[in-house]
Amino acid sequence: MFNVSFYSCTANDYIEAVKELASEVLDLVAEGLSIPDKHVFSRQIKDVQSDSILRFNHYPPVKNQDPSSKACKENQIGFGEHSDPQILTILRSNDVAGLEICLQDDGFWIPVPPDPTQFYVIIGDALRVSVLNHLLSTNSVICPVCKQTTQTYNAVLEYNVIMASTKEAYNPNNCSGGIGQVLTNGRFVSVRHRALANSSRNSRMSMMYFGAPPLNAIISPLPQFVSPQNPRLYRPFTWGEYKKAAYTSRLGDCRLDLFKLHITDDTLALFS
C-alpha cells in the first residue's frame, strides 16, 4: 500500500538537506567574490517565504528507432534548451545519460556523465573554479533517502576550464536567464542546458531542487558589481515579475532581455 505520509516526510527531509547544500554553495560563491555579507545569496532561499521547489522528471526510453535516423535525432529532446530562472539548481539523477550543457562561445553541446552518487550544481558558467574546488574537497552530504554519503559535483566545473580560455570571462548580452546573472550584473552567466531522451532500456529519472527567493523579493545588481566601468545592466524587478515572464514566454526565449535597462523594440515584439 502506498504510504503518502512516509513519502511526504521523506521528500521534505530531502528538500531541507539540499537547501542546506545550496546555501553552502552560495555562501562559498559570496566568499570567493569577497562580498562582505557572505549570506547575501543564501538568505534568499532560506527565507520562510522562499519560492524554491523540488521537481521530479521522468524521461522514458526511445524504443525501436535507428539511432542514425533523422526521426530519431528529431525526437531525442526530452526537455528543450533553456536556462533555469532561479538562483541555482541542485540536480541528482540515476545512471542514465541525458543532461547536456551548451558552451557559451561556440554553441557546442557537451554531455554530462551521469552518476547517481553525485549532486550536480547548475549555476553561472563564469563561476570561478577555485570557489567550488574548496567545496568539492571538503563537503559531503548524507542523503535522507538512501542514507549514504554523497559528494557534491559541479556540472559545469570540468567544462569551465574550456570556457576560461576564451577572451571574455562573460558576455553581458548572453541570452541566458538566471537571476544570479542579475545579482552579479552579468558577472555570472546562466548555463543553457537540455535533457535528451535515450535509446537504452531504462528510463532516465532526475530530481531538481530549484533555489528561489520570495515572490516579492527585489532582484537588482549588487553594488559591488556596479561601477563606471561596469554600469548597471538590469532594472530592479521582483522575483514574481520575472517568474511570470519566464512562464509566459517560450522555453528558449531570452526572457532576461525584458529587464535590461536598454531594451530594444525587437525584444518587446518577441514577448508581445
C-alpha atoms as a PDB file:
ATOM      1  CA  MET A   1       0.000   0.000   0.000  1.00  0.00           C
ATOM      2  CA  PHE A   2       1.295   3.449  -0.924  1.00  0.00           C
ATOM      3  CA  ASN A   3       2.075   5.401   2.255  1.00  0.00           C
ATOM      4  CA  VAL A   4       1.592   9.066   1.360  1.00  0.00           C
ATOM      5  CA  SER A   5       2.733  10.334   4.760  1.00  0.00           C
ATOM      6  CA  PHE A   6       6.022   8.412   4.596  1.00  0.00           C
ATOM      7  CA  TYR A   7       6.941   9.696   1.141  1.00  0.00           C
ATOM      8  CA  SER A   8       5.854  13.219   2.029  1.00  0.00           C
ATOM      9  CA  CYS A   9       8.134  13.211   5.089  1.00  0.00           C
ATOM     10  CA  THR A  10      10.998  11.765   3.049  1.00  0.00           C
ATOM     11  CA  ALA A  11      10.604  14.432   0.365  1.00  0.00           C
ATOM     12  CA  ASN A  12      10.506  17.189   2.987  1.00  0.00           C
ATOM     13  CA  ASP A  13      13.670  15.829   4.629  1.00  0.00           C
ATOM     14  CA  TYR A  14      15.385  15.772   1.247  1.00  0.00           C
ATOM     15  CA  ILE A  15      14.318  19.343   0.497  1.00  0.00           C
ATOM     16  CA  GLU A  16      15.810  20.547   3.788  1.00  0.00           C
ATOM     17  CA  ALA A  17      19.066  18.689   3.092  1.00  0.00           C
ATOM     18  CA  VAL A  18      19.558  20.063  -0.421  1.00  0.00           C
ATOM     19  CA  LYS A  19      18.540  23.550   0.734  1.00  0.00           C
ATOM     20  CA  GLU A  20      21.427  23.444   3.216  1.00  0.00           C
ATOM     21  CA  LEU A  21      23.750  22.236   0.457  1.00  0.00           C
ATOM     22  CA  ALA A  22      22.585  25.020  -1.869  1.00  0.00           C
ATOM     23  CA  SER A  23      23.099  27.566   0.906  1.00  0.00           C
ATOM     24  CA  GLU A  24      26.668  26.384   1.459  1.00  0.00           C
ATOM     25  CA  VAL A  25      27.398  26.682  -2.252  1.00  0.00           C
ATOM     26  CA  LEU A  26      26.023  30.222  -2.351  1.00  0.00           C
ATOM     27  CA  ASP A  27      27.968  31.229   0.767  1.00  0.00           C
ATOM     28  CA  LEU A  28      31.160  29.967  -0.867  1.00  0.00           C
ATOM     29  CA  VAL A  29      30.322  31.919  -4.020  1.00  0.00           C
ATOM     30  CA  ALA A  30      29.928  35.106  -1.968  1.00  0.00           C
ATOM     31  CA  GLU A  31      33.156  34.377  -0.108  1.00  0.00           C
ATOM     32  CA  GLY A  32      35.006  33.761  -3.376  1.00  0.00           C
ATOM     33  CA  LEU A  33      33.766  37.110  -4.684  1.00  0.00           C
ATOM     34  CA  SER A  34      34.926  38.871  -1.474  1.00  0.00           C
ATOM     35  CA  ILE A  35      31.412  40.062  -0.668  1.00  0.00           C
ATOM     36  CA  PRO A  36      31.364  41.215   3.000  1.00  0.00           C
ATOM     37  CA  ASP A  37      27.943  39.685   3.649  1.00  0.00           C
ATOM     38  CA  LYS A  38      28.574  36.064   2.692  1.00  0.00           C
ATOM     39  CA  HIS A  39      24.905  35.164   3.226  1.00  0.00           C
ATOM     40  CA  VAL A  40      23.660  37.691   0.670  1.00  0.00           C
ATOM     41  CA  PHE A  41      22.660  34.906  -1.766  1.00  0.00           C
ATOM     42  CA  SER A  42      21.731  32.081   0.613  1.00  0.00           C
ATOM     43  CA  ARG A  43      19.451  34.353   2.630  1.00  0.00           C
ATOM     44  CA  GLN A  44      17.115  34.447  -0.371  1.00  0.00           C
ATOM     45  CA  ILE A  45      16.459  30.697  -0.378  1.00  0.00           C
ATOM     46  CA  LYS A  46      16.418  30.346   3.421  1.00  0.00           C
ATOM     47  CA  ASP A  47      13.605  32.871   3.766  1.00  0.00           C
ATOM     48  CA  VAL A  48      10.390  31.257   5.040  1.00  0.00           C
ATOM     49  CA  GLN A  49       8.599  32.730   2.007  1.00  0.00           C
ATOM     50  CA  SER A  50      11.145  31.282  -0.436  1.00  0.00           C
ATOM     51  CA  ASP A  51       9.620  30.155  -3.740  1.00  0.00           C
ATOM     52  CA  SER A  52      12.008  27.196  -4.022  1.00  0.00           C
ATOM     53  CA  ILE A  53      10.601  23.931  -5.372  1.00  0.00           C
ATOM     54  CA  LEU A  54      11.550  20.274  -5.808  1.00  0.00           C
ATOM     55  CA  ARG A  55      10.678  18.635  -9.118  1.00  0.00           C
ATOM     56  CA  PHE A  56      10.934  15.064 -10.394  1.00  0.00           C
ATOM     57  CA  ASN A  57      11.389  14.313 -14.108  1.00  0.00           C
ATOM     58  CA  HIS A  58      10.867  11.022 -15.918  1.00  0.00           C
ATOM     59  CA  TYR A  59      12.303  10.511 -19.410  1.00  0.00           C
ATOM     60  CA  PRO A  60      11.126   7.183 -20.890  1.00  0.00           C
ATOM     61  CA  PRO A  61      13.453   5.443 -23.351  1.00  0.00           C
ATOM     62  CA  VAL A  62      13.010   5.978 -27.087  1.00  0.00           C
ATOM     63  CA  LYS A  63      12.345   2.488 -28.424  1.00  0.00           C
ATOM     64  CA  ASN A  64      12.550   0.829 -31.822  1.00  0.00           C
ATOM     65  CA  GLN A  65      14.379   3.612 -33.626  1.00  0.00           C
ATOM     66  CA  ASP A  66      17.538   3.599 -35.664  1.00  0.00           C
ATOM     67  CA  PRO A  67      19.924   5.936 -33.756  1.00  0.00           C
ATOM     68  CA  SER A  68      21.248   7.319 -37.070  1.00  0.00           C
ATOM     69  CA  SER A  69      17.824   8.144 -38.496  1.00  0.00           C
ATOM     70  CA  LYS A  70      16.561  11.710 -38.874  1.00  0.00           C
ATOM     71  CA  ALA A  71      13.379  10.865 -36.966  1.00  0.00           C
ATOM     72  CA  CYS A  72      15.381   9.624 -34.004  1.00  0.00           C
ATOM     73  CA  LYS A  73      17.514  12.760 -33.894  1.00  0.00           C
ATOM     74  CA  GLU A  74      14.428  14.980 -34.016  1.00  0.00           C
ATOM     75  CA  ASN A  75      12.771  13.069 -31.186  1.00  0.00           C
ATOM     76  CA  GLN A  76      15.822  12.948 -28.939  1.00  0.00           C
ATOM     77  CA  ILE A  77      14.958  16.059 -26.956  1.00  0.00           C
ATOM     78  CA  GLY A  78      13.339  15.189 -23.650  1.00  0.00           C
ATOM     79  CA  PHE A  79      13.404  18.765 -22.308  1.00  0.00           C
ATOM     80  CA  GLY A  80      14.427  21.585 -24.615  1.00  0.00           C
ATOM     81  CA  GLU A  81      17.274  24.079 -24.394  1.00  0.00           C
ATOM     82  CA  HIS A  82      16.811  26.540 -21.533  1.00  0.00           C
ATOM     83  CA  SER A  83      18.407  28.193 -18.537  1.00  0.00           C
ATOM     84  CA  ASP A  84      16.960  27.913 -15.060  1.00  0.00           C
ATOM     85  CA  PRO A  85      15.412  31.200 -13.906  1.00  0.00           C
ATOM     86  CA  GLN A  86      16.111  30.586 -10.211  1.00  0.00           C
ATOM     87  CA  ILE A  87      19.310  31.350  -8.267  1.00  0.00           C
ATOM     88  CA  LEU A  88      20.749  27.864  -8.653  1.00  0.00           C
ATOM     89  CA  THR A  89      19.732  24.239  -9.144  1.00  0.00           C
ATOM     90  CA  ILE A  90      20.827  21.123  -7.258  1.00  0.00           C
ATOM     91  CA  LEU A  91      20.256  18.109  -9.509  1.00  0.00           C
ATOM     92  CA  ARG A  92      20.538  14.392  -8.925  1.00  0.00           C
ATOM     93  CA  SER A  93      19.737  11.611 -11.386  1.00  0.00           C
ATOM     94  CA  ASN A  94      20.022   7.885 -11.912  1.00  0.00           C
ATOM     95  CA  ASP A  95      22.785   6.319 -14.024  1.00  0.00           C
ATOM     96  CA  VAL A  96      21.151   7.017 -17.412  1.00  0.00           C
ATOM     97  CA  ALA A  97      22.738   9.779 -19.518  1.00  0.00           C
ATOM     98  CA  GLY A  98      20.813  12.721 -20.924  1.00  0.00           C
ATOM     99  CA  LEU A  99      21.933  16.030 -19.408  1.00  0.00           C
ATOM    100  CA  GLU A 100      23.905  18.302 -21.743  1.00  0.00           C
ATOM    101  CA  ILE A 101      25.281  21.831 -21.333  1.00  0.00           C
ATOM    102  CA  CYS A 102      25.986  24.356 -24.073  1.00  0.00           C
ATOM    103  CA  LEU A 103      29.372  26.046 -24.280  1.00  0.00           C
ATOM    104  CA  GLN A 104      28.795  29.787 -24.379  1.00  0.00           C
ATOM    105  CA  ASP A 105      31.166  30.805 -27.162  1.00  0.00           C
ATOM    106  CA  ASP A 106      30.876  28.088 -29.800  1.00  0.00           C
ATOM    107  CA  GLY A 107      27.460  26.584 -29.062  1.00  0.00           C
ATOM    108  CA  PHE A 108      28.741  23.010 -28.755  1.00  0.00           C
ATOM    109  CA  TRP A 109      26.672  20.670 -26.598  1.00  0.00           C
ATOM    110  CA  ILE A 110      28.654  18.682 -24.051  1.00  0.00           C
ATOM    111  CA  PRO A 111      27.188  15.593 -22.307  1.00  0.00           C
ATOM    112  CA  VAL A 112      27.437  15.466 -18.520  1.00  0.00           C
ATOM    113  CA  PRO A 113      28.333  11.925 -17.333  1.00  0.00           C
ATOM    114  CA  PRO A 114      25.541  10.537 -15.118  1.00  0.00           C
ATOM    115  CA  ASP A 115      26.393   9.440 -11.582  1.00  0.00           C
ATOM    116  CA  PRO A 116      23.661   8.697  -9.015  1.00  0.00           C
ATOM    117  CA  THR A 117      26.147   9.195  -6.167  1.00  0.00           C
ATOM    118  CA  GLN A 118      26.762  12.843  -7.064  1.00  0.00           C
ATOM    119  CA  PHE A 119      24.914  16.125  -6.755  1.00  0.00           C
ATOM    120  CA  TYR A 120      25.132  18.425  -9.788  1.00  0.00           C
ATOM    121  CA  VAL A 121      25.198  22.177  -9.207  1.00  0.00           C
ATOM    122  CA  ILE A 122      23.882  24.193 -12.146  1.00  0.00           C
ATOM    123  CA  ILE A 123      24.980  27.788 -11.779  1.00  0.00           C
ATOM    124  CA  GLY A 124      26.501  30.570 -13.889  1.00  0.00           C
ATOM    125  CA  ASP A 125      29.288  29.424 -16.217  1.00  0.00           C
ATOM    126  CA  ALA A 126      31.577  32.296 -15.157  1.00  0.00           C
ATOM    127  CA  LEU A 127      31.851  30.808 -11.681  1.00  0.00           C
ATOM    128  CA  ARG A 128      35.477  30.632 -10.678  1.00  0.00           C
ATOM    129  CA  VAL A 129      36.813  27.084 -10.404  1.00  0.00           C
ATOM    130  CA  SER A 130      38.624  27.893  -7.159  1.00  0.00           C
ATOM    131  CA  VAL A 131      35.359  28.606  -5.341  1.00  0.00           C
ATOM    132  CA  LEU A 132      33.866  25.172  -5.975  1.00  0.00           C
ATOM    133  CA  ASN A 133      37.189  23.388  -5.684  1.00  0.00           C
ATOM    134  CA  HIS A 134      37.032  24.184  -1.966  1.00  0.00           C
ATOM    135  CA  LEU A 135      33.523  22.782  -1.798  1.00  0.00           C
ATOM    136  CA  LEU A 136      34.397  19.612  -3.666  1.00  0.00           C
ATOM    137  CA  SER A 137      37.367  18.871  -1.431  1.00  0.00           C
ATOM    138  CA  THR A 138      35.559  19.406   1.867  1.00  0.00           C
ATOM    139  CA  ASN A 139      31.840  18.729   1.535  1.00  0.00           C
ATOM    140  CA  SER A 140      29.773  15.585   1.701  1.00  0.00           C
ATOM    141  CA  VAL A 141      26.089  15.156   2.382  1.00  0.00           C
ATOM    142  CA  ILE A 142      24.088  12.329   3.942  1.00  0.00           C
ATOM    143  CA  CYS A 143      21.212  11.690   1.570  1.00  0.00           C
ATOM    144  CA  PRO A 144      17.997  11.397   3.631  1.00  0.00           C
ATOM    145  CA  VAL A 145      16.581   8.918   1.121  1.00  0.00           C
ATOM    146  CA  CYS A 146      19.314   6.293   0.820  1.00  0.00           C
ATOM    147  CA  LYS A 147      21.242   7.286   3.999  1.00  0.00           C
ATOM    148  CA  GLN A 148      24.520   7.182   2.085  1.00  0.00           C
ATOM    149  CA  THR A 149      27.242   9.822   1.937  1.00  0.00           C
ATOM    150  CA  THR A 150      27.351  11.571  -1.432  1.00  0.00           C
ATOM    151  CA  GLN A 151      29.828  14.085  -2.797  1.00  0.00           C
ATOM    152  CA  THR A 152      28.843  17.311  -4.499  1.00  0.00           C
ATOM    153  CA  TYR A 153      29.752  17.713  -8.147  1.00  0.00           C
ATOM    154  CA  ASN A 154      29.501  20.858 -10.220  1.00  0.00           C
ATOM    155  CA  ALA A 155      28.052  20.024 -13.620  1.00  0.00           C
ATOM    156  CA  VAL A 156      29.936  22.937 -15.155  1.00  0.00           C
ATOM    157  CA  LEU A 157      33.241  22.622 -13.339  1.00  0.00           C
ATOM    158  CA  GLU A 158      35.168  20.406 -15.745  1.00  0.00           C
ATOM    159  CA  TYR A 159      33.947  22.478 -18.717  1.00  0.00           C
ATOM    160  CA  ASN A 160      34.690  25.794 -17.029  1.00  0.00           C
ATOM    161  CA  VAL A 161      38.357  25.206 -17.835  1.00  0.00           C
ATOM    162  CA  ILE A 162      37.472  25.118 -21.525  1.00  0.00           C
ATOM    163  CA  MET A 163      35.482  28.349 -21.357  1.00  0.00           C
ATOM    164  CA  ALA A 164      38.113  30.090 -19.237  1.00  0.00           C
ATOM    165  CA  SER A 165      40.443  30.129 -22.240  1.00  0.00           C
ATOM    166  CA  THR A 166      38.161  32.494 -24.173  1.00  0.00           C
ATOM    167  CA  LYS A 167      38.943  36.205 -24.415  1.00  0.00           C
ATOM    168  CA  GLU A 168      35.880  37.260 -22.414  1.00  0.00           C
ATOM    169  CA  ALA A 169      35.111  35.808 -18.993  1.00  0.00           C
ATOM    170  CA  TYR A 170      31.444  36.570 -19.562  1.00  0.00           C
ATOM    171  CA  ASN A 171      29.149  38.139 -22.132  1.00  0.00           C
ATOM    172  CA  PRO A 172      26.539  40.590 -20.791  1.00  0.00           C
ATOM    173  CA  ASN A 173      24.475  40.073 -23.932  1.00  0.00           C
ATOM    174  CA  ASN A 174      24.257  36.327 -23.383  1.00  0.00           C
ATOM    175  CA  CYS A 175      20.697  35.040 -23.851  1.00  0.00           C
ATOM    176  CA  SER A 176      20.513  33.191 -20.573  1.00  0.00           C
ATOM    177  CA  GLY A 177      18.131  33.821 -17.777  1.00  0.00           C
ATOM    178  CA  GLY A 178      19.129  33.116 -14.183  1.00  0.00           C
ATOM    179  CA  ILE A 179      18.624  35.838 -11.598  1.00  0.00           C
ATOM    180  CA  GLY A 180      22.157  35.177 -10.371  1.00  0.00           C
ATOM    181  CA  GLN A 181      23.135  36.861 -13.625  1.00  0.00           C
ATOM    182  CA  VAL A 182      21.241  39.964 -12.496  1.00  0.00           C
ATOM    183  CA  LEU A 183      22.524  39.964  -8.902  1.00  0.00           C
ATOM    184  CA  THR A 184      26.099  39.889 -10.212  1.00  0.00           C
ATOM    185  CA  ASN A 185      25.333  42.371 -13.038  1.00  0.00           C
ATOM    186  CA  GLY A 186      26.358  39.841 -15.677  1.00  0.00           C
ATOM    187  CA  ARG A 187      29.430  38.531 -13.845  1.00  0.00           C
ATOM    188  CA  PHE A 188      27.828  35.080 -13.694  1.00  0.00           C
ATOM    189  CA  VAL A 189      26.078  33.834 -16.825  1.00  0.00           C
ATOM    190  CA  SER A 190      23.486  31.088 -16.548  1.00  0.00           C
ATOM    191  CA  VAL A 191      24.284  27.834 -18.300  1.00  0.00           C
ATOM    192  CA  ARG A 192      21.942  26.808 -21.075  1.00  0.00           C
ATOM    193  CA  HIS A 193      21.242  23.105 -20.836  1.00  0.00           C
ATOM    194  CA  ARG A 194      18.851  20.466 -22.088  1.00  0.00           C
ATOM    195  CA  ALA A 195      17.864  16.860 -21.454  1.00  0.00           C
ATOM    196  CA  LEU A 196      17.916  14.216 -24.154  1.00  0.00           C
ATOM    197  CA  ALA A 197      15.749  11.154 -24.365  1.00  0.00           C
ATOM    198  CA  ASN A 198      17.705   7.915 -24.562  1.00  0.00           C
ATOM    199  CA  SER A 199      17.646   4.690 -26.522  1.00  0.00           C
ATOM    200  CA  SER A 200      18.663   2.480 -23.596  1.00  0.00           C
ATOM    201  CA  ARG A 201      16.317   0.034 -21.934  1.00  0.00           C
ATOM    202  CA  ASN A 202      15.956   2.159 -18.827  1.00  0.00           C
ATOM    203  CA  SER A 203      14.221   5.448 -18.218  1.00  0.00           C
ATOM    204  CA  ARG A 204      16.124   8.485 -17.035  1.00  0.00           C
ATOM    205  CA  MET A 205      14.974   9.804 -13.677  1.00  0.00           C
ATOM    206  CA  SER A 206      16.099  13.085 -12.181  1.00  0.00           C
ATOM    207  CA  MET A 207      15.139  15.348  -9.310  1.00  0.00           C
ATOM    208  CA  MET A 208      15.963  19.029  -9.115  1.00  0.00           C
ATOM    209  CA  TYR A 209      15.871  21.479  -6.259  1.00  0.00           C
ATOM    210  CA  PHE A 210      15.393  24.993  -7.629  1.00  0.00           C
ATOM    211  CA  GLY A 211      16.547  27.572  -5.084  1.00  0.00           C
ATOM    212  CA  ALA A 212      14.488  30.751  -5.468  1.00  0.00           C
ATOM    213  CA  PRO A 213      13.758  33.905  -3.438  1.00  0.00           C
ATOM    214  CA  PRO A 214      10.326  35.001  -2.162  1.00  0.00           C
ATOM    215  CA  LEU A 215       7.922  36.268  -4.819  1.00  0.00           C
ATOM    216  CA  ASN A 216       8.136  39.844  -3.523  1.00  0.00           C
ATOM    217  CA  ALA A 217      11.937  39.876  -3.267  1.00  0.00           C
ATOM    218  CA  ILE A 218      13.571  42.719  -5.204  1.00  0.00           C
ATOM    219  CA  ILE A 219      16.138  41.450  -7.708  1.00  0.00           C
ATOM    220  CA  SER A 220      18.763  44.048  -8.588  1.00  0.00           C
ATOM    221  CA  PRO A 221      22.530  44.102  -9.254  1.00  0.00           C
ATOM    222  CA  LEU A 222      24.537  44.218  -6.034  1.00  0.00           C
ATOM    223  CA  PRO A 223      26.519  47.459  -5.520  1.00  0.00           C
ATOM    224  CA  GLN A 224      29.808  45.546  -5.599  1.00  0.00           C
ATOM    225  CA  PHE A 225      29.247  44.727  -9.279  1.00  0.00           C
ATOM    226  CA  VAL A 226      28.289  48.214 -10.486  1.00  0.00           C
ATOM    227  CA  SER A 227      30.874  50.845 -11.407  1.00  0.00           C
ATOM    228  CA  PRO A 228      31.566  53.431 -14.136  1.00  0.00           C
ATOM    229  CA  GLN A 229      33.458  50.710 -15.989  1.00  0.00           C
ATOM    230  CA  ASN A 230      30.662  48.158 -15.416  1.00  0.00           C
ATOM    231  CA  PRO A 231      27.379  50.108 -15.496  1.00  0.00           C
ATOM    232  CA  ARG A 232      24.130  48.598 -14.278  1.00  0.00           C
ATOM    233  CA  LEU A 233      22.694  46.251 -16.916  1.00  0.00           C
ATOM    234  CA  TYR A 234      19.284  45.488 -15.419  1.00  0.00           C
ATOM    235  CA  ARG A 235      16.475  47.429 -13.781  1.00  0.00           C
ATOM    236  CA  PRO A 236      15.149  46.275 -10.392  1.00  0.00           C
ATOM    237  CA  PHE A 237      12.255  43.811 -10.502  1.00  0.00           C
ATOM    238  CA  THR A 238      10.611  41.284  -8.223  1.00  0.00           C
ATOM    239  CA  TRP A 239      11.056  37.535  -8.472  1.00  0.00           C
ATOM    240  CA  GLY A 240       7.296  37.340  -9.064  1.00  0.00           C
ATOM    241  CA  GLU A 241       7.629  39.575 -12.137  1.00  0.00           C
ATOM    242  CA  TYR A 242      10.462  37.527 -13.518  1.00  0.00           C
ATOM    243  CA  LYS A 243       8.740  34.224 -12.817  1.00  0.00           C
ATOM    244  CA  LYS A 244       5.676  35.428 -14.715  1.00  0.00           C
ATOM    245  CA  ALA A 245       7.863  36.410 -17.675  1.00  0.00           C
ATOM    246  CA  ALA A 246       9.601  33.033 -17.543  1.00  0.00           C
ATOM    247  CA  TYR A 247       6.394  31.020 -17.622  1.00  0.00           C
ATOM    248  CA  THR A 248       4.578  33.131 -20.213  1.00  0.00           C
ATOM    249  CA  SER A 249       7.425  33.001 -22.740  1.00  0.00           C
ATOM    250  CA  ARG A 250       8.734  30.145 -24.825  1.00  0.00           C
ATOM    251  CA  LEU A 251      11.250  27.840 -23.194  1.00  0.00           C
ATOM    252  CA  GLY A 252      14.296  29.064 -25.094  1.00  0.00           C
ATOM    253  CA  ASP A 253      13.431  32.782 -25.210  1.00  0.00           C
ATOM    254  CA  CYS A 254      15.892  35.365 -23.875  1.00  0.00           C
ATOM    255  CA  ARG A 255      13.478  36.468 -21.156  1.00  0.00           C
ATOM    256  CA  LEU A 256      16.133  38.372 -19.215  1.00  0.00           C
ATOM    257  CA  ASP A 257      16.287  40.880 -22.074  1.00  0.00           C
ATOM    258  CA  LEU A 258      12.930  42.230 -20.888  1.00  0.00           C
ATOM    259  CA  PHE A 259      14.589  43.545 -17.752  1.00  0.00           C
ATOM    260  CA  LYS A 260      17.624  45.190 -19.312  1.00  0.00           C
ATOM    261  CA  LEU A 261      17.897  48.951 -18.909  1.00  0.00           C
ATOM    262  CA  HIS A 262      18.213  49.410 -22.661  1.00  0.00           C
ATOM    263  CA  ILE A 263      15.512  47.179 -24.111  1.00  0.00           C
ATOM    264  CA  THR A 264      15.057  47.035 -27.896  1.00  0.00           C
ATOM    265  CA  ASP A 265      11.859  47.117 -29.948  1.00  0.00           C
ATOM    266  CA  ASP A 266      12.714  43.657 -31.294  1.00  0.00           C
ATOM    267  CA  THR A 267      12.750  42.253 -27.763  1.00  0.00           C
ATOM    268  CA  LEU A 268       9.386  43.836 -26.945  1.00  0.00           C
ATOM    269  CA  ALA A 269       7.908  42.384 -30.130  1.00  0.00           C
ATOM    270  CA  LEU A 270       9.248  38.931 -29.271  1.00  0.00           C
ATOM    271  CA  PHE A 271       7.373  38.812 -25.967  1.00  0.00           C
ATOM    272  CA  SER A 272       4.212  40.663 -27.011  1.00  0.00           C
END
